[in-house]
Amino acid sequence: MSVGAPLPYDVDFSKTVFLVVDDKPFYREMAHTALMRARAKDVNQASSVETAIQLLNRLGQAIDCVIVDWDIA
């Protein structure tokens, strides 16, 4: 999957690992694409709080930033 051209402004997430938590696949994918275009080192995804907790327990301090849907089902 191509992530397109880099963003026109200077954002450097090349050392940042994200975790995106949303129950809707469309929004997870949209966030993933935007973060990869911003040159994120990695973007992990979880569709539930339970899965997010499992990922956090497994990856620990490797996750630098968590983006969570505030109205997750």
N, C-alpha and C. Protein backbone atom coordinates (compact mmCIF):
# COMPACT_ATOMS: atom_id res chain seq x y z
N MET A 1 0.83 -1.18 0.00
CA MET A 1 0.00 0.00 0.00
C MET A 1 0.88 1.24 0.00
N SER A 2 0.64 2.10 -0.94
CA SER A 2 1.40 3.34 -1.03
C SER A 2 0.80 4.37 -0.09
N VAL A 3 1.65 5.10 0.58
CA VAL A 3 1.17 6.12 1.51
C VAL A 3 1.21 7.51 0.89
N GLY A 4 1.57 7.62 -0.37
CA GLY A 4 1.56 8.90 -1.04
C GLY A 4 2.78 9.75 -0.74
N ALA A 5 2.70 10.98 -1.18
CA ALA A 5 3.80 11.91 -1.02
C ALA A 5 3.92 12.36 0.43
N PRO A 6 5.13 12.73 0.84
CA PRO A 6 5.32 13.27 2.19
C PRO A 6 4.49 14.53 2.39
N LEU A 7 4.22 14.85 3.62
CA LEU A 7 3.47 16.06 3.92
C LEU A 7 4.30 17.28 3.54
N PRO A 8 3.64 18.38 3.16
CA PRO A 8 4.37 19.55 2.69
C PRO A 8 5.10 20.32 3.78
N TYR A 9 4.81 20.07 5.03
CA TYR A 9 5.49 20.78 6.10
C TYR A 9 6.46 19.84 6.81
N ASP A 10 7.32 20.39 7.58
CA ASP A 10 8.40 19.64 8.20
C ASP A 10 7.96 19.00 9.52
N VAL A 11 7.53 17.74 9.44
CA VAL A 11 7.15 16.97 10.61
C VAL A 11 8.04 15.74 10.62
N ASP A 12 8.69 15.49 11.74
CA ASP A 12 9.58 14.34 11.80
C ASP A 12 9.14 13.37 12.90
N PHE A 13 8.44 12.33 12.49
CA PHE A 13 8.04 11.27 13.40
C PHE A 13 8.85 10.01 13.14
N SER A 14 10.03 10.16 12.55
CA SER A 14 10.82 9.00 12.13
C SER A 14 11.29 8.13 13.29
N LYS A 15 11.21 8.65 14.50
CA LYS A 15 11.61 7.86 15.67
C LYS A 15 10.42 7.57 16.58
N THR A 16 9.21 7.83 16.10
CA THR A 16 8.02 7.72 16.92
C THR A 16 7.18 6.50 16.53
N VAL A 17 6.82 5.70 17.52
CA VAL A 17 5.96 4.54 17.33
C VAL A 17 4.60 4.87 17.95
N PHE A 18 3.54 4.72 17.15
CA PHE A 18 2.19 5.07 17.57
C PHE A 18 1.36 3.81 17.80
N LEU A 19 0.34 3.96 18.63
CA LEU A 19 -0.72 2.97 18.78
C LEU A 19 -2.03 3.71 18.56
N VAL A 20 -2.78 3.30 17.54
CA VAL A 20 -4.08 3.89 17.23
C VAL A 20 -5.15 2.91 17.69
N VAL A 21 -6.06 3.40 18.54
CA VAL A 21 -7.12 2.55 19.07
C VAL A 21 -8.47 3.13 18.65
N ASP A 22 -9.19 2.37 17.82
CA ASP A 22 -10.51 2.79 17.37
C ASP A 22 -11.27 1.54 16.96
N ASP A 23 -12.56 1.49 17.26
CA ASP A 23 -13.36 0.33 16.90
C ASP A 23 -13.81 0.35 15.44
N LYS A 24 -13.60 1.47 14.76
CA LYS A 24 -14.00 1.57 13.35
C LYS A 24 -12.76 1.47 12.45
N PRO A 25 -12.73 0.44 11.60
CA PRO A 25 -11.56 0.22 10.73
C PRO A 25 -11.23 1.42 9.84
N PHE A 26 -12.25 2.13 9.36
CA PHE A 26 -12.00 3.27 8.48
C PHE A 26 -11.14 4.32 9.18
N TYR A 27 -11.47 4.64 10.43
CA TYR A 27 -10.72 5.68 11.15
C TYR A 27 -9.33 5.20 11.55
N ARG A 28 -9.20 3.91 11.88
CA ARG A 28 -7.86 3.37 12.16
C ARG A 28 -6.99 3.49 10.92
N GLU A 29 -7.53 3.12 9.78
CA GLU A 29 -6.75 3.18 8.54
C GLU A 29 -6.42 4.62 8.14
N MET A 30 -7.37 5.52 8.35
CA MET A 30 -7.12 6.94 8.04
C MET A 30 -5.98 7.47 8.91
N ALA A 31 -6.01 7.16 10.19
CA ALA A 31 -4.94 7.61 11.09
C ALA A 31 -3.61 6.97 10.69
N HIS A 32 -3.64 5.68 10.37
CA HIS A 32 -2.43 4.96 9.95
C HIS A 32 -1.81 5.63 8.73
N THR A 33 -2.63 5.91 7.73
CA THR A 33 -2.14 6.54 6.50
C THR A 33 -1.55 7.92 6.77
N ALA A 34 -2.24 8.73 7.58
CA ALA A 34 -1.75 10.07 7.89
C ALA A 34 -0.43 10.01 8.64
N LEU A 35 -0.33 9.10 9.60
CA LEU A 35 0.91 9.00 10.39
C LEU A 35 2.06 8.46 9.55
N MET A 36 1.79 7.52 8.68
CA MET A 36 2.86 7.01 7.81
C MET A 36 3.31 8.08 6.81
N ARG A 37 2.38 8.90 6.35
CA ARG A 37 2.76 10.02 5.47
C ARG A 37 3.63 11.02 6.22
N ALA A 38 3.44 11.09 7.53
CA ALA A 38 4.26 11.97 8.37
C ALA A 38 5.55 11.27 8.77
N ARG A 39 5.84 10.14 8.15
CA ARG A 39 7.07 9.37 8.33
C ARG A 39 7.22 8.76 9.72
N ALA A 40 6.09 8.30 10.29
CA ALA A 40 6.17 7.61 11.58
C ALA A 40 7.03 6.36 11.44
N LYS A 41 7.74 6.04 12.50
CA LYS A 41 8.57 4.83 12.49
C LYS A 41 7.69 3.60 12.35
N ASP A 42 6.56 3.57 13.10
CA ASP A 42 5.63 2.45 13.03
C ASP A 42 4.29 2.91 13.59
N VAL A 43 3.22 2.28 13.10
CA VAL A 43 1.88 2.55 13.59
C VAL A 43 1.20 1.22 13.87
N ASN A 44 0.95 0.95 15.14
CA ASN A 44 0.22 -0.25 15.54
C ASN A 44 -1.25 0.12 15.67
N GLN A 45 -2.12 -0.87 15.47
CA GLN A 45 -3.55 -0.61 15.53
C GLN A 45 -4.24 -1.61 16.44
N ALA A 46 -5.26 -1.13 17.14
CA ALA A 46 -6.09 -2.00 17.98
C ALA A 46 -7.55 -1.60 17.78
N SER A 47 -8.42 -2.60 17.73
CA SER A 47 -9.84 -2.34 17.51
C SER A 47 -10.64 -2.31 18.81
N SER A 48 -9.96 -2.55 19.93
CA SER A 48 -10.65 -2.53 21.22
C SER A 48 -9.67 -2.13 22.32
N VAL A 49 -10.22 -1.75 23.44
CA VAL A 49 -9.38 -1.40 24.58
C VAL A 49 -8.60 -2.62 25.04
N GLU A 50 -9.25 -3.77 25.03
CA GLU A 50 -8.60 -5.01 25.46
C GLU A 50 -7.37 -5.32 24.60
N THR A 51 -7.54 -5.19 23.28
CA THR A 51 -6.42 -5.43 22.37
C THR A 51 -5.32 -4.40 22.58
N ALA A 52 -5.71 -3.15 22.81
CA ALA A 52 -4.72 -2.10 23.06
C ALA A 52 -3.90 -2.41 24.31
N ILE A 53 -4.57 -2.87 25.36
CA ILE A 53 -3.86 -3.21 26.59
C ILE A 53 -2.89 -4.36 26.35
N GLN A 54 -3.32 -5.35 25.58
CA GLN A 54 -2.43 -6.47 25.24
C GLN A 54 -1.20 -5.98 24.49
N LEU A 55 -1.40 -5.09 23.52
CA LEU A 55 -0.27 -4.53 22.77
C LEU A 55 0.65 -3.73 23.67
N LEU A 56 0.07 -2.93 24.54
CA LEU A 56 0.89 -2.14 25.46
C LEU A 56 1.69 -3.04 26.40
N ASN A 57 1.07 -4.12 26.88
CA ASN A 57 1.79 -5.06 27.74
C ASN A 57 2.92 -5.75 26.98
N ARG A 58 2.69 -6.06 25.71
CA ARG A 58 3.69 -6.76 24.92
C ARG A 58 4.80 -5.83 24.44
N LEU A 59 4.42 -4.63 23.97
CA LEU A 59 5.40 -3.72 23.37
C LEU A 59 5.99 -2.74 24.37
N GLY A 60 5.28 -2.54 25.47
CA GLY A 60 5.78 -1.70 26.56
C GLY A 60 6.24 -0.33 26.13
N GLN A 61 7.47 0.00 26.47
CA GLN A 61 7.99 1.34 26.22
C GLN A 61 8.32 1.60 24.75
N ALA A 62 8.12 0.61 23.90
CA ALA A 62 8.34 0.85 22.46
C ALA A 62 7.28 1.77 21.88
N ILE A 63 6.12 1.87 22.54
CA ILE A 63 5.05 2.77 22.09
C ILE A 63 5.33 4.16 22.66
N ASP A 64 5.42 5.14 21.75
CA ASP A 64 5.70 6.52 22.17
C ASP A 64 4.43 7.35 22.34
N CYS A 65 3.39 7.01 21.57
CA CYS A 65 2.18 7.83 21.58
C CYS A 65 0.97 6.95 21.32
N VAL A 66 -0.09 7.14 22.11
CA VAL A 66 -1.33 6.40 21.93
C VAL A 66 -2.42 7.38 21.52
N ILE A 67 -3.11 7.07 20.44
CA ILE A 67 -4.23 7.88 19.96
C ILE A 67 -5.47 7.01 20.11
N VAL A 68 -6.44 7.49 20.93
CA VAL A 68 -7.60 6.67 21.28
C VAL A 68 -8.89 7.40 20.93
N ASP A 69 -9.82 6.66 20.34
CA ASP A 69 -11.17 7.15 20.12
C ASP A 69 -11.82 7.31 21.49
N TRP A 70 -12.29 8.48 21.80
CA TRP A 70 -12.85 8.72 23.14
C TRP A 70 -14.21 8.08 23.31
N ASP A 71 -14.86 7.67 22.21
CA ASP A 71 -16.18 7.07 22.26
C ASP A 71 -16.14 5.65 21.72
N ILE A 72 -15.14 4.90 22.11
CA ILE A 72 -14.98 3.54 21.60
C ILE A 72 -16.07 2.65 22.17
N ALA A 73 -16.63 1.80 21.31
CA ALA A 73 -17.74 0.92 21.75
C ALA A 73 -17.23 -0.25 22.55
